[in-house]
Amino acid sequence: ASNAVAIVCGPPIMIRFTFPVLEKLGFTPEQMLTTLEKRMKCGIGKCGRCNIGNVYVCRDGPVFTYAQIKDFISSEY
């Protein structure tokens, strides 16, 4: 999977269980992309409603690599 990219889009439970499978197939965290969705109130990162771990979906996303979110994806999303 050296020059391949995996894009994962779906419900949080599916996203959470897909990343380990992709790692077993040889994808690096930088080669795995996903979209995160959270209810947003302000849309500019001020209210904190879309905060997941250390990222704000409205400001930093909504597309992230697994490398960016792997430390908190299973516990907060």
PDB file of N, CA and C in Angstrom:
ATOM      1  N   ALA A   1       0.828  -1.197   0.000  1.00  0.00           N
ATOM      2  CA  ALA A   1       0.000   0.000   0.000  1.00  0.00           C
ATOM      3  C   ALA A   1       0.866   1.251   0.000  1.00  0.00           C
ATOM      4  N   SER A   2       2.046   1.198  -0.592  1.00  0.00           N
ATOM      5  CA  SER A   2       2.980   2.324  -0.502  1.00  0.00           C
ATOM      6  C   SER A   2       2.488   3.594  -1.178  1.00  0.00           C
ATOM      7  N   ASN A   3       1.802   3.474  -2.291  1.00  0.00           N
ATOM      8  CA  ASN A   3       1.308   4.683  -2.952  1.00  0.00           C
ATOM      9  C   ASN A   3      -0.215   4.679  -3.037  1.00  0.00           C
ATOM     10  N   ALA A   4      -0.844   4.088  -2.050  1.00  0.00           N
ATOM     11  CA  ALA A   4      -2.306   4.049  -1.980  1.00  0.00           C
ATOM     12  C   ALA A   4      -2.777   4.911  -0.813  1.00  0.00           C
ATOM     13  N   VAL A   5      -4.019   5.325  -0.889  1.00  0.00           N
ATOM     14  CA  VAL A   5      -4.640   6.102   0.177  1.00  0.00           C
ATOM     15  C   VAL A   5      -6.004   5.492   0.459  1.00  0.00           C
ATOM     16  N   ALA A   6      -6.368   5.408   1.725  1.00  0.00           N
ATOM     17  CA  ALA A   6      -7.690   4.909   2.110  1.00  0.00           C
ATOM     18  C   ALA A   6      -8.499   6.070   2.668  1.00  0.00           C
ATOM     19  N   ILE A   7      -9.711   6.219   2.165  1.00  0.00           N
ATOM     20  CA  ILE A   7     -10.611   7.265   2.648  1.00  0.00           C
ATOM     21  C   ILE A   7     -11.799   6.579   3.309  1.00  0.00           C
ATOM     22  N   VAL A   8     -12.010   6.877   4.577  1.00  0.00           N
ATOM     23  CA  VAL A   8     -13.054   6.230   5.366  1.00  0.00           C
ATOM     24  C   VAL A   8     -14.109   7.269   5.735  1.00  0.00           C
ATOM     25  N   CYS A   9     -15.335   6.991   5.379  1.00  0.00           N
ATOM     26  CA  CYS A   9     -16.432   7.900   5.695  1.00  0.00           C
ATOM     27  C   CYS A   9     -17.617   7.066   6.156  1.00  0.00           C
ATOM     28  N   GLY A  10     -18.138   7.370   7.315  1.00  0.00           N
ATOM     29  CA  GLY A  10     -19.260   6.610   7.839  1.00  0.00           C
ATOM     30  C   GLY A  10     -19.499   6.935   9.291  1.00  0.00           C
ATOM     31  N   PRO A  11     -20.301   6.120   9.960  1.00  0.00           N
ATOM     32  CA  PRO A  11     -20.578   6.369  11.374  1.00  0.00           C
ATOM     33  C   PRO A  11     -19.330   6.133  12.224  1.00  0.00           C
ATOM     34  N   PRO A  12     -19.242   6.802  13.375  1.00  0.00           N
ATOM     35  CA  PRO A  12     -18.055   6.687  14.230  1.00  0.00           C
ATOM     36  C   PRO A  12     -17.647   5.253  14.554  1.00  0.00           C
ATOM     37  N   ILE A  13     -18.594   4.367  14.814  1.00  0.00           N
ATOM     38  CA  ILE A  13     -18.249   2.985  15.170  1.00  0.00           C
ATOM     39  C   ILE A  13     -17.556   2.281  14.010  1.00  0.00           C
ATOM     40  N   MET A  14     -17.984   2.548  12.792  1.00  0.00           N
ATOM     41  CA  MET A  14     -17.356   1.945  11.620  1.00  0.00           C
ATOM     42  C   MET A  14     -15.944   2.502  11.422  1.00  0.00           C
ATOM     43  N   ILE A  15     -15.816   3.803  11.573  1.00  0.00           N
ATOM     44  CA  ILE A  15     -14.507   4.438  11.421  1.00  0.00           C
ATOM     45  C   ILE A  15     -13.530   3.846  12.429  1.00  0.00           C
ATOM     46  N   ARG A  16     -13.960   3.721  13.671  1.00  0.00           N
ATOM     47  CA  ARG A  16     -13.098   3.216  14.745  1.00  0.00           C
ATOM     48  C   ARG A  16     -12.573   1.813  14.461  1.00  0.00           C
ATOM     49  N   PHE A  17     -13.412   0.950  13.884  1.00  0.00           N
ATOM     50  CA  PHE A  17     -12.997  -0.428  13.641  1.00  0.00           C
ATOM     51  C   PHE A  17     -12.340  -0.635  12.279  1.00  0.00           C
ATOM     52  N   THR A  18     -12.419   0.336  11.401  1.00  0.00           N
ATOM     53  CA  THR A  18     -11.807   0.209  10.077  1.00  0.00           C
ATOM     54  C   THR A  18     -10.315   0.505  10.109  1.00  0.00           C
ATOM     55  N   PHE A  19      -9.891   1.465  10.907  1.00  0.00           N
ATOM     56  CA  PHE A  19      -8.476   1.836  10.942  1.00  0.00           C
ATOM     57  C   PHE A  19      -7.545   0.673  11.297  1.00  0.00           C
ATOM     58  N   PRO A  20      -7.834  -0.143  12.323  1.00  0.00           N
ATOM     59  CA  PRO A  20      -6.944  -1.277  12.612  1.00  0.00           C
ATOM     60  C   PRO A  20      -6.834  -2.265  11.451  1.00  0.00           C
ATOM     61  N   VAL A  21      -7.922  -2.471  10.730  1.00  0.00           N
ATOM     62  CA  VAL A  21      -7.890  -3.371   9.570  1.00  0.00           C
ATOM     63  C   VAL A  21      -6.983  -2.793   8.489  1.00  0.00           C
ATOM     64  N   LEU A  22      -7.099  -1.501   8.250  1.00  0.00           N
ATOM     65  CA  LEU A  22      -6.250  -0.857   7.243  1.00  0.00           C
ATOM     66  C   LEU A  22      -4.777  -0.912   7.640  1.00  0.00           C
ATOM     67  N   GLU A  23      -4.484  -0.774   8.935  1.00  0.00           N
ATOM     68  CA  GLU A  23      -3.096  -0.895   9.398  1.00  0.00           C
ATOM     69  C   GLU A  23      -2.559  -2.296   9.122  1.00  0.00           C
ATOM     70  N   LYS A  24      -3.373  -3.316   9.350  1.00  0.00           N
ATOM     71  CA  LYS A  24      -2.949  -4.695   9.066  1.00  0.00           C
ATOM     72  C   LYS A  24      -2.702  -4.907   7.573  1.00  0.00           C
ATOM     73  N   LEU A  25      -3.396  -4.144   6.737  1.00  0.00           N
ATOM     74  CA  LEU A  25      -3.203  -4.234   5.286  1.00  0.00           C
ATOM     75  C   LEU A  25      -1.990  -3.441   4.807  1.00  0.00           C
ATOM     76  N   GLY A  26      -1.311  -2.752   5.720  1.00  0.00           N
ATOM     77  CA  GLY A  26      -0.084  -2.053   5.373  1.00  0.00           C
ATOM     78  C   GLY A  26      -0.202  -0.553   5.176  1.00  0.00           C
ATOM     79  N   PHE A  27      -1.361   0.007   5.445  1.00  0.00           N
ATOM     80  CA  PHE A  27      -1.514   1.457   5.337  1.00  0.00           C
ATOM     81  C   PHE A  27      -0.888   2.125   6.555  1.00  0.00           C
ATOM     82  N   THR A  28      -0.201   3.228   6.345  1.00  0.00           N
ATOM     83  CA  THR A  28       0.334   4.011   7.454  1.00  0.00           C
ATOM     84  C   THR A  28      -0.748   4.983   7.921  1.00  0.00           C
ATOM     85  N   PRO A  29      -0.642   5.497   9.138  1.00  0.00           N
ATOM     86  CA  PRO A  29      -1.636   6.469   9.613  1.00  0.00           C
ATOM     87  C   PRO A  29      -1.763   7.699   8.709  1.00  0.00           C
ATOM     88  N   GLU A  30      -0.689   8.074   8.050  1.00  0.00           N
ATOM     89  CA  GLU A  30      -0.728   9.223   7.145  1.00  0.00           C
ATOM     90  C   GLU A  30      -1.474   8.911   5.848  1.00  0.00           C
ATOM     91  N   GLN A  31      -1.617   7.643   5.512  1.00  0.00           N
ATOM     92  CA  GLN A  31      -2.314   7.233   4.286  1.00  0.00           C
ATOM     93  C   GLN A  31      -3.808   7.018   4.500  1.00  0.00           C
ATOM     94  N   MET A  32      -4.264   7.132   5.740  1.00  0.00           N
ATOM     95  CA  MET A  32      -5.680   6.914   6.045  1.00  0.00           C
ATOM     96  C   MET A  32      -6.342   8.246   6.354  1.00  0.00           C
ATOM     97  N   LEU A  33      -7.387   8.552   5.617  1.00  0.00           N
ATOM     98  CA  LEU A  33      -8.122   9.802   5.802  1.00  0.00           C
ATOM     99  C   LEU A  33      -9.554   9.504   6.195  1.00  0.00           C
ATOM    100  N   THR A  34     -10.115  10.370   7.011  1.00  0.00           N
ATOM    101  CA  THR A  34     -11.517  10.225   7.383  1.00  0.00           C
ATOM    102  C   THR A  34     -12.147  11.589   7.593  1.00  0.00           C
ATOM    103  N   THR A  35     -13.450  11.594   7.593  1.00  0.00           N
ATOM    104  CA  THR A  35     -14.183  12.810   7.924  1.00  0.00           C
ATOM    105  C   THR A  35     -14.795  12.627   9.304  1.00  0.00           C
ATOM    106  N   LEU A  36     -14.758  13.672  10.086  1.00  0.00           N
ATOM    107  CA  LEU A  36     -15.391  13.653  11.400  1.00  0.00           C
ATOM    108  C   LEU A  36     -16.541  14.648  11.385  1.00  0.00           C
ATOM    109  N   GLU A  37     -17.606  14.280  12.039  1.00  0.00           N
ATOM    110  CA  GLU A  37     -18.760  15.169  12.113  1.00  0.00           C
ATOM    111  C   GLU A  37     -19.154  15.354  13.565  1.00  0.00           C
ATOM    112  N   LYS A  38     -19.354  16.576  13.933  1.00  0.00           N
ATOM    113  CA  LYS A  38     -19.863  16.929  15.257  1.00  0.00           C
ATOM    114  C   LYS A  38     -20.823  18.087  15.079  1.00  0.00           C
ATOM    115  N   ARG A  39     -21.790  18.172  15.947  1.00  0.00           N
ATOM    116  CA  ARG A  39     -22.713  19.301  15.910  1.00  0.00           C
ATOM    117  C   ARG A  39     -21.924  20.572  16.230  1.00  0.00           C
ATOM    118  N   MET A  40     -22.023  21.550  15.358  1.00  0.00           N
ATOM    119  CA  MET A  40     -21.271  22.790  15.521  1.00  0.00           C
ATOM    120  C   MET A  40     -22.224  23.943  15.795  1.00  0.00           C
ATOM    121  N   LYS A  41     -21.867  24.756  16.757  1.00  0.00           N
ATOM    122  CA  LYS A  41     -22.702  25.904  17.099  1.00  0.00           C
ATOM    123  C   LYS A  41     -22.157  27.174  16.454  1.00  0.00           C
ATOM    124  N   CYS A  42     -20.880  27.462  16.666  1.00  0.00           N
ATOM    125  CA  CYS A  42     -20.334  28.725  16.157  1.00  0.00           C
ATOM    126  C   CYS A  42     -19.637  28.573  14.805  1.00  0.00           C
ATOM    127  N   GLY A  43     -19.015  27.430  14.561  1.00  0.00           N
ATOM    128  CA  GLY A  43     -18.323  27.205  13.292  1.00  0.00           C
ATOM    129  C   GLY A  43     -16.936  27.803  13.193  1.00  0.00           C
ATOM    130  N   ILE A  44     -16.425  28.402  14.285  1.00  0.00           N
ATOM    131  CA  ILE A  44     -15.088  29.012  14.240  1.00  0.00           C
ATOM    132  C   ILE A  44     -14.196  28.569  15.401  1.00  0.00           C
ATOM    133  N   GLY A  45     -14.608  27.568  16.159  1.00  0.00           N
ATOM    134  CA  GLY A  45     -13.780  27.026  17.228  1.00  0.00           C
ATOM    135  C   GLY A  45     -13.902  27.721  18.567  1.00  0.00           C
ATOM    136  N   LYS A  46     -14.819  28.633  18.718  1.00  0.00           N
ATOM    137  CA  LYS A  46     -14.963  29.374  19.980  1.00  0.00           C
ATOM    138  C   LYS A  46     -15.822  28.648  21.012  1.00  0.00           C
ATOM    139  N   CYS A  47     -16.882  27.980  20.575  1.00  0.00           N
ATOM    140  CA  CYS A  47     -17.823  27.379  21.531  1.00  0.00           C
ATOM    141  C   CYS A  47     -17.333  26.034  22.077  1.00  0.00           C
ATOM    142  N   GLY A  48     -16.477  25.332  21.330  1.00  0.00           N
ATOM    143  CA  GLY A  48     -15.936  24.058  21.792  1.00  0.00           C
ATOM    144  C   GLY A  48     -16.825  22.847  21.571  1.00  0.00           C
ATOM    145  N   ARG A  49     -17.991  23.022  20.979  1.00  0.00           N
ATOM    146  CA  ARG A  49     -18.906  21.890  20.776  1.00  0.00           C
ATOM    147  C   ARG A  49     -18.340  20.837  19.837  1.00  0.00           C
ATOM    148  N   CYS A  50     -17.518  21.245  18.889  1.00  0.00           N
ATOM    149  CA  CYS A  50     -17.005  20.286  17.910  1.00  0.00           C
ATOM    150  C   CYS A  50     -15.611  19.790  18.268  1.00  0.00           C
ATOM    151  N   ASN A  51     -15.157  20.055  19.483  1.00  0.00           N
ATOM    152  CA  ASN A  51     -13.832  19.636  19.929  1.00  0.00           C
ATOM    153  C   ASN A  51     -13.789  18.132  20.131  1.00  0.00           C
ATOM    154  N   ILE A  52     -12.805  17.487  19.501  1.00  0.00           N
ATOM    155  CA  ILE A  52     -12.545  16.063  19.694  1.00  0.00           C
ATOM    156  C   ILE A  52     -11.052  15.947  19.955  1.00  0.00           C
ATOM    157  N   GLY A  53     -10.687  15.537  21.169  1.00  0.00           N
ATOM    158  CA  GLY A  53      -9.270  15.494  21.506  1.00  0.00           C
ATOM    159  C   GLY A  53      -8.690  16.895  21.448  1.00  0.00           C
ATOM    160  N   ASN A  54      -7.643  17.062  20.652  1.00  0.00           N
ATOM    161  CA  ASN A  54      -7.010  18.374  20.537  1.00  0.00           C
ATOM    162  C   ASN A  54      -7.342  19.083  19.227  1.00  0.00           C
ATOM    163  N   VAL A  55      -8.364  18.627  18.521  1.00  0.00           N
ATOM    164  CA  VAL A  55      -8.742  19.278  17.262  1.00  0.00           C
ATOM    165  C   VAL A  55     -10.185  19.774  17.330  1.00  0.00           C
ATOM    166  N   TYR A  56     -10.438  20.777  16.541  1.00  0.00           N
ATOM    167  CA  TYR A  56     -11.791  21.298  16.369  1.00  0.00           C
ATOM    168  C   TYR A  56     -12.230  20.929  14.963  1.00  0.00           C
ATOM    169  N   VAL A  57     -13.330  20.197  14.859  1.00  0.00           N
ATOM    170  CA  VAL A  57     -13.800  19.750  13.551  1.00  0.00           C
ATOM    171  C   VAL A  57     -14.085  20.952  12.653  1.00  0.00           C
ATOM    172  N   CYS A  58     -14.675  22.005  13.194  1.00  0.00           N
ATOM    173  CA  CYS A  58     -15.043  23.163  12.370  1.00  0.00           C
ATOM    174  C   CYS A  58     -13.823  23.920  11.871  1.00  0.00           C
ATOM    175  N   ARG A  59     -12.801  24.017  12.659  1.00  0.00           N
ATOM    176  CA  ARG A  59     -11.633  24.830  12.325  1.00  0.00           C
ATOM    177  C   ARG A  59     -10.520  24.012  11.668  1.00  0.00           C
ATOM    178  N   ASP A  60     -10.272  22.811  12.156  1.00  0.00           N
ATOM    179  CA  ASP A  60      -9.140  22.006  11.691  1.00  0.00           C
ATOM    180  C   ASP A  60      -9.526  20.968  10.649  1.00  0.00           C
ATOM    181  N   GLY A  61     -10.797  20.720  10.477  1.00  0.00           N
ATOM    182  CA  GLY A  61     -11.246  19.639   9.593  1.00  0.00           C
ATOM    183  C   GLY A  61     -12.227  20.126   8.576  1.00  0.00           C
ATOM    184  N   PRO A  62     -13.106  19.283   8.173  1.00  0.00           N
ATOM    185  CA  PRO A  62     -13.565  18.036   8.777  1.00  0.00           C
ATOM    186  C   PRO A  62     -12.795  16.804   8.334  1.00  0.00           C
ATOM    187  N   VAL A  63     -11.795  16.956   7.459  1.00  0.00           N
ATOM    188  CA  VAL A  63     -11.021  15.803   6.993  1.00  0.00           C
ATOM    189  C   VAL A  63      -9.722  15.743   7.782  1.00  0.00           C
ATOM    190  N   PHE A  64      -9.419  14.545   8.309  1.00  0.00           N
ATOM    191  CA  PHE A  64      -8.221  14.336   9.114  1.00  0.00           C
ATOM    192  C   PHE A  64      -7.538  13.047   8.691  1.00  0.00           C
ATOM    193  N   THR A  65      -6.224  12.988   8.877  1.00  0.00           N
ATOM    194  CA  THR A  65      -5.524  11.717   8.719  1.00  0.00           C
ATOM    195  C   THR A  65      -5.650  10.959  10.040  1.00  0.00           C
ATOM    196  N   TYR A  66      -5.480   9.668   9.964  1.00  0.00           N
ATOM    197  CA  TYR A  66      -5.504   8.864  11.183  1.00  0.00           C
ATOM    198  C   TYR A  66      -4.374   9.292  12.113  1.00  0.00           C
ATOM    199  N   ALA A  67      -3.256   9.719  11.561  1.00  0.00           N
ATOM    200  CA  ALA A  67      -2.132  10.180  12.372  1.00  0.00           C
ATOM    201  C   ALA A  67      -2.544  11.352  13.268  1.00  0.00           C
ATOM    202  N   GLN A  68      -3.411  12.213  12.774  1.00  0.00           N
ATOM    203  CA  GLN A  68      -3.849  13.378  13.537  1.00  0.00           C
ATOM    204  C   GLN A  68      -4.799  13.029  14.674  1.00  0.00           C
ATOM    205  N   ILE A  69      -5.538  11.941  14.552  1.00  0.00           N
ATOM    206  CA  ILE A  69      -6.608  11.665  15.519  1.00  0.00           C
ATOM    207  C   ILE A  69      -6.473  10.335  16.253  1.00  0.00           C
ATOM    208  N   LYS A  70      -5.455   9.555  15.955  1.00  0.00           N
ATOM    209  CA  LYS A  70      -5.372   8.191  16.491  1.00  0.00           C
ATOM    210  C   LYS A  70      -5.290   8.125  18.012  1.00  0.00           C
ATOM    211  N   ASP A  71      -4.763   9.150  18.659  1.00  0.00           N
ATOM    212  CA  ASP A  71      -4.617   9.101  20.114  1.00  0.00           C
ATOM    213  C   ASP A  71      -5.938   9.253  20.861  1.00  0.00           C
ATOM    214  N   PHE A  72      -6.961   9.784  20.212  1.00  0.00           N
ATOM    215  CA  PHE A  72      -8.218  10.003  20.916  1.00  0.00           C
ATOM    216  C   PHE A  72      -9.455   9.500  20.180  1.00  0.00           C
ATOM    217  N   ILE A  73      -9.296   8.909  19.006  1.00  0.00           N
ATOM    218  CA  ILE A  73     -10.458   8.494  18.212  1.00  0.00           C
ATOM    219  C   ILE A  73     -11.311   7.447  18.927  1.00  0.00           C
ATOM    220  N   SER A  74     -10.709   6.515  19.636  1.00  0.00           N
ATOM    221  CA  SER A  74     -11.507   5.449  20.250  1.00  0.00           C
ATOM    222  C   SER A  74     -12.183   5.888  21.541  1.00  0.00           C
ATOM    223  N   SER A  75     -11.632   6.880  22.206  1.00  0.00           N
ATOM    224  CA  SER A  75     -12.227   7.273  23.483  1.00  0.00           C
ATOM    225  C   SER A  75     -13.216   8.424  23.374  1.00  0.00           C
ATOM    226  N   GLU A  76     -13.073   9.274  22.353  1.00  0.00           N
ATOM    227  CA  GLU A  76     -13.913  10.465  22.294  1.00  0.00           C
ATOM    228  C   GLU A  76     -14.829  10.535  21.087  1.00  0.00           C
ATOM    229  N   TYR A  77     -14.658   9.656  20.117  1.00  0.00           N
ATOM    230  CA  TYR A  77     -15.499   9.756  18.929  1.00  0.00           C
ATOM    231  C   TYR A  77     -16.135   8.432  18.633  1.00  0.00           C
TER     232      TYR A  77
END
